[in-house]
Protein backbone atom coordinates (compact mmCIF):
# COMPACT_ATOMS: atom_id res chain seq x y z
CA MET A 1 -54.29 11.53 15.28
CA ASN A 2 -50.56 10.90 15.85
CA THR A 3 -48.07 13.66 14.87
CA THR A 4 -44.39 13.28 14.33
CA THR A 5 -42.00 15.97 15.44
CA ILE A 6 -38.94 16.46 13.21
CA ASP A 7 -35.90 17.88 14.89
CA PRO A 8 -34.56 20.49 12.41
CA THR A 9 -31.06 20.03 13.97
CA ALA A 10 -30.92 16.33 13.19
CA ARG A 11 -28.08 15.35 10.87
CA ARG A 12 -29.13 13.65 7.79
CA VAL A 13 -26.87 10.97 6.37
CA PRO A 14 -25.83 12.01 2.84
CA PRO A 15 -25.97 9.58 -0.14
CA LEU A 16 -23.34 6.89 -0.24
CA GLY A 17 -22.56 7.66 3.45
CA GLY A 18 -20.93 10.92 2.54
CA PHE A 19 -18.60 9.38 -0.20
CA SER A 20 -17.49 12.40 -2.37
CA LEU A 21 -15.35 12.57 -5.46
CA THR A 22 -14.43 16.04 -4.55
CA VAL A 23 -13.04 14.93 -1.17
CA LEU A 24 -11.30 12.06 -2.93
CA ARG A 25 -9.67 14.57 -5.35
CA ILE A 26 -8.59 16.92 -2.50
CA GLU A 27 -7.17 13.86 -0.55
CA LEU A 28 -5.11 12.79 -3.58
CA LEU A 29 -3.79 16.24 -4.24
CA ARG A 30 -2.83 16.67 -0.53
CA VAL A 31 -0.70 13.62 -0.77
CA LEU A 32 0.93 14.66 -4.04
CA ARG A 33 1.77 18.05 -2.63
CA ASN A 34 3.91 16.32 -0.01
CA SER A 35 7.43 16.44 -1.60
CA ARG A 36 8.92 14.04 0.86
CA THR A 37 6.28 11.47 0.10
CA VAL A 38 6.69 11.83 -3.65
CA ILE A 39 10.57 11.51 -3.36
CA PHE A 40 10.64 8.53 -1.04
CA THR A 41 7.70 6.52 -2.49
CA LEU A 42 7.85 7.32 -6.22
CA ILE A 43 11.45 8.30 -7.10
CA PHE A 44 13.32 6.19 -4.64
CA PRO A 45 12.12 2.74 -5.76
CA ALA A 46 12.70 3.60 -9.39
CA ALA A 47 16.19 4.81 -8.59
CA LEU A 48 16.83 1.68 -6.50
CA PHE A 49 15.86 -0.45 -9.43
CA PHE A 50 18.31 1.31 -11.69
CA VAL A 51 21.05 0.97 -9.00
CA VAL A 52 20.42 -2.86 -8.51
CA THR A 53 20.19 -3.73 -12.25
CA GLY A 54 22.80 -1.33 -13.40
CA GLY A 55 26.41 -2.13 -14.22
CA ASP A 56 27.86 -4.91 -16.44
CA LYS A 57 25.70 -7.61 -15.18
CA THR A 58 22.97 -8.55 -17.80
CA TRP A 59 20.34 -9.93 -15.34
CA ASP A 60 19.06 -12.01 -18.28
CA GLU A 61 18.93 -15.42 -16.44
CA PRO A 62 15.43 -16.96 -17.07
CA VAL A 63 12.86 -16.73 -14.34
CA GLY A 64 9.45 -18.05 -15.23
CA SER A 65 8.08 -16.20 -18.28
CA GLY A 66 10.81 -13.54 -18.10
CA ASN A 67 14.31 -12.83 -16.61
CA GLU A 68 15.92 -11.71 -13.39
CA ALA A 69 15.58 -8.01 -14.32
CA ALA A 70 11.81 -8.50 -14.55
CA TYR A 71 11.78 -10.25 -11.17
CA ILE A 72 13.51 -7.33 -9.63
CA MET A 73 11.35 -4.79 -11.34
CA ILE A 74 8.14 -6.32 -9.92
CA SER A 75 9.64 -6.49 -6.41
CA MET A 76 10.65 -2.85 -6.57
CA ALA A 77 7.24 -1.88 -7.81
CA LEU A 78 5.65 -3.67 -4.84
CA TYR A 79 8.09 -1.96 -2.49
CA GLY A 80 7.30 1.47 -3.89
CA ALA A 81 3.44 0.87 -3.92
CA ALA A 82 3.66 -0.44 -0.42
CA LEU A 83 5.48 2.69 0.83
CA THR A 84 3.12 4.98 -1.15
CA ALA A 85 -0.14 3.14 0.20
CA ALA A 86 1.20 3.24 3.79
CA ALA A 87 2.05 6.92 3.47
CA GLY A 88 -1.43 7.69 2.18
CA GLY A 89 -3.03 5.65 4.99
CA SER A 90 -0.85 7.19 7.71
CA MET A 91 -2.04 10.73 6.85
CA VAL A 92 -4.77 10.08 9.43
CA ALA A 93 -2.15 10.73 12.12
CA LEU A 94 -1.64 14.32 10.86
CA GLU A 95 -5.32 14.80 10.49
CA ARG A 96 -5.85 13.83 14.09
CA THR A 97 -3.07 16.22 15.25
CA LEU A 98 -4.67 19.07 13.39
CA GLY A 99 -8.17 18.16 14.58
CA TRP A 100 -9.54 17.30 11.19
CA SER A 101 -10.45 13.72 12.20
CA ARG A 102 -12.47 15.16 15.16
CA GLN A 103 -14.18 17.59 12.81
CA LEU A 104 -15.15 14.78 10.39
CA ARG A 105 -16.58 12.74 13.31
CA LEU A 106 -18.98 15.61 14.01
CA THR A 107 -20.38 15.24 10.50
CA PRO A 108 -22.63 12.65 9.10
CA LEU A 109 -19.79 11.03 7.12
CA ASN A 110 -19.97 7.33 7.52
CA PRO A 111 -16.63 5.81 8.74
CA VAL A 112 -16.97 3.10 5.93
CA ALA A 113 -17.08 5.85 3.30
CA TYR A 114 -14.08 7.60 4.97
CA ILE A 115 -11.98 4.42 4.94
CA LEU A 116 -13.13 3.73 1.33
CA MET A 117 -11.80 7.11 0.23
CA LYS A 118 -8.55 6.45 2.03
CA ALA A 119 -8.23 3.11 0.26
CA LEU A 120 -8.91 4.66 -3.18
CA VAL A 121 -6.26 7.33 -2.42
CA ALA A 122 -3.82 4.58 -1.50
CA LEU A 123 -4.59 2.63 -4.60
CA SER A 124 -4.14 5.65 -6.81
CA MET A 125 -0.83 6.47 -5.33
CA GLY A 126 0.17 2.83 -5.58
CA ALA A 127 -0.71 2.86 -9.28
CA LEU A 128 1.62 5.79 -9.77
CA ALA A 129 4.46 4.07 -7.88
CA ILE A 130 3.92 0.91 -9.87
CA THR A 131 3.80 2.81 -13.17
CA THR A 132 6.95 4.74 -12.34
CA VAL A 133 8.96 1.58 -11.71
CA ASN A 134 7.56 -0.16 -14.71
CA VAL A 135 8.44 2.83 -16.93
CA SER A 136 11.94 2.59 -15.48
CA GLY A 137 12.07 -0.96 -16.41
CA ILE A 138 11.09 -0.24 -19.93
CA LEU A 139 13.66 2.58 -20.29
CA GLN A 140 16.40 0.56 -18.59
CA GLY A 141 15.78 -2.19 -21.18
CA LYS A 142 16.98 -5.25 -19.21
CA ALA A 143 13.54 -6.49 -17.93
CA GLU A 144 12.03 -8.96 -20.31
CA MET A 145 8.61 -10.65 -20.06
CA PRO A 146 5.46 -10.99 -22.21
CA ALA A 147 3.04 -8.00 -22.30
CA ARG A 148 0.26 -9.95 -20.62
CA VAL A 149 2.55 -10.94 -17.79
CA TRP A 150 3.68 -7.29 -17.45
CA ILE A 151 0.10 -6.11 -17.14
CA ALA A 152 -1.01 -8.96 -14.83
CA SER A 153 1.82 -8.46 -12.35
CA ALA A 154 1.08 -4.72 -12.27
CA VAL A 155 -2.60 -5.21 -11.45
CA VAL A 156 -1.96 -7.93 -8.92
CA THR A 157 0.74 -5.74 -7.26
CA LEU A 158 -1.71 -2.89 -7.13
CA PHE A 159 -4.27 -4.86 -5.13
CA CYS A 160 -1.58 -6.25 -2.85
CA THR A 161 -0.97 -2.65 -1.64
CA LEU A 162 -4.30 -2.62 0.16
CA THR A 163 -2.58 -4.51 2.95
CA PHE A 164 -0.16 -1.62 3.47
CA ALA A 165 -2.84 0.97 3.11
CA ALA A 166 -4.56 -0.74 6.08
CA LEU A 167 -1.18 -0.84 7.91
CA GLY A 168 -0.78 2.82 7.38
CA VAL A 169 -4.12 3.74 8.74
CA PHE A 170 -3.54 1.58 11.69
CA ILE A 171 -0.19 3.15 12.48
CA GLY A 172 -1.73 6.60 11.82
CA TYR A 173 -4.32 6.01 14.65
CA VAL A 174 -1.77 4.68 17.19
CA VAL A 175 1.21 6.83 16.57
CA PRO A 176 0.95 10.70 17.02
CA GLY A 177 1.62 13.31 14.36
CA GLU A 178 4.28 12.89 11.72
CA ASN A 179 6.02 10.14 13.56
CA ALA A 180 3.89 7.55 11.66
CA MET A 181 5.87 7.80 8.36
CA GLN A 182 9.14 7.94 10.36
CA ILE A 183 8.23 4.51 11.74
CA LEU A 184 6.64 3.04 8.42
CA GLY A 185 9.49 4.12 6.16
CA PRO A 186 12.30 2.16 7.86
CA GLY A 187 9.95 -0.53 9.07
CA LEU A 188 8.87 -1.41 5.55
CA ALA A 189 12.42 -1.34 4.38
CA VAL A 190 13.34 -3.92 7.13
CA LEU A 191 10.26 -6.03 6.37
CA SER A 192 11.01 -5.92 2.59
CA PHE A 193 14.59 -7.12 3.36
CA LEU A 194 13.38 -9.94 5.66
CA GLY A 195 10.46 -10.84 3.41
CA GLY A 196 12.63 -11.58 0.33
CA VAL A 197 11.34 -8.70 -1.72
CA PHE A 198 14.81 -7.43 -2.92
CA TRP A 199 16.21 -10.87 -3.92
CA PRO A 200 15.20 -14.59 -4.14
CA LEU A 201 15.45 -16.57 -0.95
CA THR A 202 16.75 -20.10 -0.73
CA GLU A 203 13.88 -22.35 0.37
CA GLY A 204 14.63 -24.00 3.70
CA SER A 205 17.29 -21.41 4.78
CA THR A 206 17.06 -19.60 8.01
CA LEU A 207 16.20 -16.29 6.39
CA TRP A 208 13.51 -18.10 4.35
CA HIS A 209 11.82 -19.44 7.43
CA ILE A 210 11.86 -15.87 8.92
CA ALA A 211 10.53 -14.38 5.69
CA THR A 212 7.40 -16.69 5.65
CA LEU A 213 6.30 -15.05 8.78
CA THR A 214 6.60 -11.43 7.69
CA PRO A 215 3.83 -9.27 6.02
CA MET A 216 5.83 -8.71 2.83
CA TYR A 217 6.58 -12.32 1.97
CA GLY A 218 2.98 -13.35 0.93
CA VAL A 219 2.25 -10.36 -1.21
CA ALA A 220 5.57 -10.48 -2.85
CA GLU A 221 4.95 -14.06 -3.87
CA ILE A 222 1.53 -13.14 -5.19
CA ALA A 223 2.83 -10.07 -7.13
CA ARG A 224 5.54 -12.13 -8.78
CA ALA A 225 3.23 -15.16 -9.44
CA PRO A 226 2.31 -14.02 -13.07
CA LEU A 227 5.93 -14.12 -13.86
CA THR A 228 7.18 -17.13 -11.87
CA HIS A 229 4.13 -19.31 -12.28
CA GLU A 230 4.62 -20.32 -8.61
CA LEU A 231 2.33 -19.49 -5.76
CA PRO A 232 2.82 -21.60 -2.60
CA TRP A 233 -0.34 -22.07 -0.53
CA TYR A 234 1.52 -20.81 2.61
CA ALA A 235 2.24 -17.47 0.74
CA VAL A 236 -1.54 -17.00 0.21
CA VAL A 237 -2.27 -17.81 3.86
CA ASN A 238 0.45 -15.29 4.92
CA ALA A 239 -1.11 -12.47 2.69
CA VAL A 240 -4.63 -13.09 3.86
CA PHE A 241 -3.55 -13.33 7.47
CA TRP A 242 -1.67 -9.93 7.50
CA LEU A 243 -4.39 -8.30 5.54
CA ALA A 244 -6.96 -9.37 8.13
CA ILE A 245 -4.58 -8.28 10.96
CA PHE A 246 -4.07 -4.83 9.58
CA VAL A 247 -7.67 -4.25 8.54
CA GLY A 248 -8.82 -5.45 11.88
CA GLY A 249 -6.22 -3.21 13.67
CA ALA A 250 -7.27 -0.15 11.64
CA ALA A 251 -11.01 -0.70 12.30
CA TRP A 252 -10.33 -1.21 16.01
CA ALA A 253 -8.24 1.88 16.21
CA MET A 254 -10.72 3.95 14.38
CA SER A 255 -13.54 2.67 16.52
CA LYS A 256 -11.61 3.57 19.74
CA ASP A 257 -10.79 7.05 18.25
CA THR A 258 -14.47 7.57 17.21
CA ALA A 259 -15.68 6.70 20.72
CA ARG A 260 -13.92 9.73 22.17
CA VAL A 261 -16.57 12.04 20.59
């Protein structure tokens, strides 16, 4: 008769790979408690929208189903959500510095469940950033577009932020400590400038050719598509390409970090 010996010290994989709503809530609260993150990712884009669309200019030139102010509002919402998602993802840098990542690797937590929780935190924070900018657009009163376009652009923008959540995780694994956000903050601002997020680009210009190669260009075109009714195929290719690059980079960096245990 065969007998099976059970090692009492063996780790059992928890349900759903260790995915936990409690951990998810703690992660979200941890990000919200960071005042610097809240200021630069939630307040700054809304303030920037007020600055750009303020003054005597009406910003009522028609753009697709709305006007120029609506175009800028969607762009600022994307910028804020991208910053927020990247900040949430880059928290792994601080976790590694404090030894929390190593502690998690000693548990049965599935890396996929861990990344999923990070993505949900990034989406939640991105939703807050998008809501903040959209509420600013309502209060400011210059942005005009149908309600269905308003909702569609917000939803599309939210899912576009996954690209920058992956970028944040990747940077968090390759850059030590709190330096991650010091790189991501200015870096995303430059990419937004080059990618035509802050204002429309003239097709065929030198800056336009540069923009089509940047990570912000494709997602910006997708986010504004419900308003403009225009979505070039190369913008979709750009968005998919950079999403694959950042997700692949994050997975590679995580696998290298995990292999150290």
